[in-house]
Amino acid sequence: MLRSGKSQSARQDAVLPQTFDSLISQREIFEIDRTNLVRQLRTIRRAINESAEEMDMVAIEQVFVKRVSHALVRTARKLYRVAEDLSGLQRLIERAHAPGALDGSDPKPRHRPKAPD
């Protein structure tokens, strides 16, 4: 567990903020992580799509020789596929549930056969 206070590597007389709140449940940590990951995936996907669109436009405008324009189109298509994969991953993470130990439900009891006496 991390604690607030002085650190050996911090400059002298520096008080570090508390970085871990013991009152946060594992479920809340899961939700925070999931939300952050979805946001990051959305940002990456948008940046990839914008870059692919830009490559497509440059290729259509024939700014470069045909060989380079074709390479731009091929790369844009690959980027679009990566963005689609990220969209699928994002949807999967959005629907994800915390593992059984974190979801707050009681685990199902295991039925074991009785040992013979």
C-alpha atoms as a PDB file:
ATOM      1  CA  MET A   1       0.000   0.000   0.000  1.00  0.00           C
ATOM      2  CA  LEU A   2       1.292   3.452  -0.849  1.00  0.00           C
ATOM      3  CA  ARG A   3       1.153   6.096   1.830  1.00  0.00           C
ATOM      4  CA  SER A   4       1.315   9.841   1.871  1.00  0.00           C
ATOM      5  CA  GLY A   5       4.331  11.445   3.457  1.00  0.00           C
ATOM      6  CA  LYS A   6       8.008  11.777   2.696  1.00  0.00           C
ATOM      7  CA  SER A   7       9.751   9.571   0.202  1.00  0.00           C
ATOM      8  CA  GLN A   8      13.417   8.677   0.151  1.00  0.00           C
ATOM      9  CA  SER A   9      13.740   9.882  -3.451  1.00  0.00           C
ATOM     10  CA  ALA A  10      11.711  13.089  -3.006  1.00  0.00           C
ATOM     11  CA  ARG A  11      13.449  16.351  -2.380  1.00  0.00           C
ATOM     12  CA  GLN A  12      13.851  17.303   1.241  1.00  0.00           C
ATOM     13  CA  ASP A  13      10.739  18.642   3.012  1.00  0.00           C
ATOM     14  CA  ALA A  14       8.493  17.642   0.072  1.00  0.00           C
ATOM     15  CA  VAL A  15       5.214  16.065   1.140  1.00  0.00           C
ATOM     16  CA  LEU A  16       3.781  13.759  -1.483  1.00  0.00           C
ATOM     17  CA  PRO A  17       0.016  13.560  -1.978  1.00  0.00           C
ATOM     18  CA  GLN A  18      -1.723  10.388  -0.972  1.00  0.00           C
ATOM     19  CA  THR A  19      -1.721   8.133  -4.032  1.00  0.00           C
ATOM     20  CA  PHE A  20      -3.863   5.279  -2.775  1.00  0.00           C
ATOM     21  CA  ASP A  21      -7.177   5.543  -1.010  1.00  0.00           C
ATOM     22  CA  SER A  22      -7.897   2.424   0.990  1.00  0.00           C
ATOM     23  CA  LEU A  23     -11.607   3.275   0.906  1.00  0.00           C
ATOM     24  CA  ILE A  24     -11.829   2.636  -2.853  1.00  0.00           C
ATOM     25  CA  SER A  25     -13.149  -0.839  -3.515  1.00  0.00           C
ATOM     26  CA  GLN A  26     -11.715  -3.215  -6.074  1.00  0.00           C
ATOM     27  CA  ARG A  27     -14.967  -2.820  -7.995  1.00  0.00           C
ATOM     28  CA  GLU A  28     -14.476   0.968  -8.195  1.00  0.00           C
ATOM     29  CA  ILE A  29     -10.883   0.488  -9.347  1.00  0.00           C
ATOM     30  CA  PHE A  30     -12.137  -1.876 -12.069  1.00  0.00           C
ATOM     31  CA  GLU A  31     -14.683   0.730 -13.240  1.00  0.00           C
ATOM     32  CA  ILE A  32     -12.046   3.483 -13.277  1.00  0.00           C
ATOM     33  CA  ASP A  33      -9.629   1.311 -15.256  1.00  0.00           C
ATOM     34  CA  ARG A  34     -12.322   0.257 -17.708  1.00  0.00           C
ATOM     35  CA  THR A  35     -13.474   3.844 -18.263  1.00  0.00           C
ATOM     36  CA  ASN A  36      -9.913   5.060 -18.824  1.00  0.00           C
ATOM     37  CA  LEU A  37      -9.130   2.241 -21.226  1.00  0.00           C
ATOM     38  CA  VAL A  38     -12.303   2.869 -23.265  1.00  0.00           C
ATOM     39  CA  ARG A  39     -11.431   6.568 -23.467  1.00  0.00           C
ATOM     40  CA  GLN A  40      -7.879   5.787 -24.608  1.00  0.00           C
ATOM     41  CA  LEU A  41      -9.064   3.317 -27.239  1.00  0.00           C
ATOM     42  CA  ARG A  42     -11.579   5.853 -28.556  1.00  0.00           C
ATOM     43  CA  THR A  43      -8.864   8.511 -28.809  1.00  0.00           C
ATOM     44  CA  ILE A  44      -6.447   6.179 -30.595  1.00  0.00           C
ATOM     45  CA  ARG A  45      -9.154   4.962 -32.980  1.00  0.00           C
ATOM     46  CA  ARG A  46     -10.141   8.512 -33.902  1.00  0.00           C
ATOM     47  CA  ALA A  47      -6.519   9.513 -34.515  1.00  0.00           C
ATOM     48  CA  ILE A  48      -5.986   6.462 -36.724  1.00  0.00           C
ATOM     49  CA  ASN A  49      -9.163   7.171 -38.714  1.00  0.00           C
ATOM     50  CA  GLU A  50      -8.182  10.808 -39.208  1.00  0.00           C
ATOM     51  CA  SER A  51      -4.722   9.790 -40.409  1.00  0.00           C
ATOM     52  CA  ALA A  52      -6.182   7.234 -42.810  1.00  0.00           C
ATOM     53  CA  GLU A  53      -8.591   9.825 -44.208  1.00  0.00           C
ATOM     54  CA  GLU A  54      -5.734  12.275 -44.716  1.00  0.00           C
ATOM     55  CA  MET A  55      -3.711   9.630 -46.576  1.00  0.00           C
ATOM     56  CA  ASP A  56      -6.713   8.832 -48.760  1.00  0.00           C
ATOM     57  CA  MET A  57      -7.211  12.509 -49.617  1.00  0.00           C
ATOM     58  CA  VAL A  58      -3.556  13.028 -50.502  1.00  0.00           C
ATOM     59  CA  ALA A  59      -3.661   9.919 -52.691  1.00  0.00           C
ATOM     60  CA  ILE A  60      -6.851  11.096 -54.454  1.00  0.00           C
ATOM     61  CA  GLU A  61      -5.316  14.533 -55.086  1.00  0.00           C
ATOM     62  CA  GLN A  62      -2.328  12.776 -56.694  1.00  0.00           C
ATOM     63  CA  VAL A  63       0.160  14.978 -54.901  1.00  0.00           C
ATOM     64  CA  PHE A  64       2.794  12.276 -55.370  1.00  0.00           C
ATOM     65  CA  VAL A  65       3.667   9.869 -58.166  1.00  0.00           C
ATOM     66  CA  LYS A  66       1.288   6.923 -58.682  1.00  0.00           C
ATOM     67  CA  ARG A  67       3.507   4.470 -56.830  1.00  0.00           C
ATOM     68  CA  VAL A  68       3.463   6.620 -53.690  1.00  0.00           C
ATOM     69  CA  SER A  69      -0.255   7.339 -54.028  1.00  0.00           C
ATOM     70  CA  HIS A  70      -1.001   3.599 -54.230  1.00  0.00           C
ATOM     71  CA  ALA A  71       1.134   3.015 -51.141  1.00  0.00           C
ATOM     72  CA  LEU A  72      -0.846   5.708 -49.321  1.00  0.00           C
ATOM     73  CA  VAL A  73      -4.131   4.040 -50.261  1.00  0.00           C
ATOM     74  CA  ARG A  74      -2.871   0.616 -49.113  1.00  0.00           C
ATOM     75  CA  THR A  75      -1.670   2.025 -45.813  1.00  0.00           C
ATOM     76  CA  ALA A  76      -4.931   3.917 -45.289  1.00  0.00           C
ATOM     77  CA  ARG A  77      -6.882   0.673 -45.773  1.00  0.00           C
ATOM     78  CA  LYS A  78      -4.680  -1.074 -43.217  1.00  0.00           C
ATOM     79  CA  LEU A  79      -5.229   1.765 -40.779  1.00  0.00           C
ATOM     80  CA  TYR A  80      -8.994   1.577 -41.262  1.00  0.00           C
ATOM     81  CA  ARG A  81      -8.844  -2.156 -40.420  1.00  0.00           C
ATOM     82  CA  VAL A  82      -6.813  -1.426 -37.276  1.00  0.00           C
ATOM     83  CA  ALA A  83      -9.400   1.188 -36.269  1.00  0.00           C
ATOM     84  CA  GLU A  84     -12.175  -1.391 -36.785  1.00  0.00           C
ATOM     85  CA  ASP A  85     -10.292  -3.860 -34.578  1.00  0.00           C
ATOM     86  CA  LEU A  86      -9.940  -1.197 -31.903  1.00  0.00           C
ATOM     87  CA  SER A  87     -13.673  -0.494 -32.126  1.00  0.00           C
ATOM     88  CA  GLY A  88     -14.386  -4.163 -31.492  1.00  0.00           C
ATOM     89  CA  LEU A  89     -12.009  -4.209 -28.556  1.00  0.00           C
ATOM     90  CA  GLN A  90     -13.605  -1.047 -27.182  1.00  0.00           C
ATOM     91  CA  ARG A  91     -17.088  -2.601 -27.355  1.00  0.00           C
ATOM     92  CA  LEU A  92     -15.789  -5.736 -25.663  1.00  0.00           C
ATOM     93  CA  ILE A  93     -14.279  -3.724 -22.820  1.00  0.00           C
ATOM     94  CA  GLU A  94     -17.435  -1.608 -22.470  1.00  0.00           C
ATOM     95  CA  ARG A  95     -19.475  -4.804 -21.933  1.00  0.00           C
ATOM     96  CA  ALA A  96     -16.899  -6.421 -19.644  1.00  0.00           C
ATOM     97  CA  HIS A  97     -17.780  -7.255 -16.072  1.00  0.00           C
ATOM     98  CA  ALA A  98     -15.446  -7.479 -13.121  1.00  0.00           C
ATOM     99  CA  PRO A  99     -14.153 -10.938 -12.260  1.00  0.00           C
ATOM    100  CA  GLY A 100     -16.362 -12.835  -9.806  1.00  0.00           C
ATOM    101  CA  ALA A 101     -14.294 -11.851  -6.796  1.00  0.00           C
ATOM    102  CA  LEU A 102     -14.801  -8.158  -7.590  1.00  0.00           C
ATOM    103  CA  ASP A 103     -18.389  -8.037  -8.782  1.00  0.00           C
ATOM    104  CA  GLY A 104     -19.872  -8.092  -5.314  1.00  0.00           C
ATOM    105  CA  SER A 105     -21.894 -11.249  -5.859  1.00  0.00           C
ATOM    106  CA  ASP A 106     -21.496 -14.341  -3.783  1.00  0.00           C
ATOM    107  CA  PRO A 107     -19.507 -17.025  -5.553  1.00  0.00           C
ATOM    108  CA  LYS A 108     -21.438 -20.126  -6.448  1.00  0.00           C
ATOM    109  CA  PRO A 109     -20.715 -22.990  -4.075  1.00  0.00           C
ATOM    110  CA  ARG A 110     -18.901 -25.941  -5.539  1.00  0.00           C
ATOM    111  CA  HIS A 111     -20.626 -29.273  -5.296  1.00  0.00           C
ATOM    112  CA  ARG A 112     -18.129 -31.917  -4.380  1.00  0.00           C
ATOM    113  CA  PRO A 113     -18.930 -35.555  -4.038  1.00  0.00           C
ATOM    114  CA  LYS A 114     -18.884 -36.803  -0.474  1.00  0.00           C
ATOM    115  CA  ALA A 115     -15.943 -38.963   0.421  1.00  0.00           C
ATOM    116  CA  PRO A 116     -16.880 -42.524   1.419  1.00  0.00           C
ATOM    117  CA  ASP A 117     -16.651 -43.177   5.159  1.00  0.00           C
END
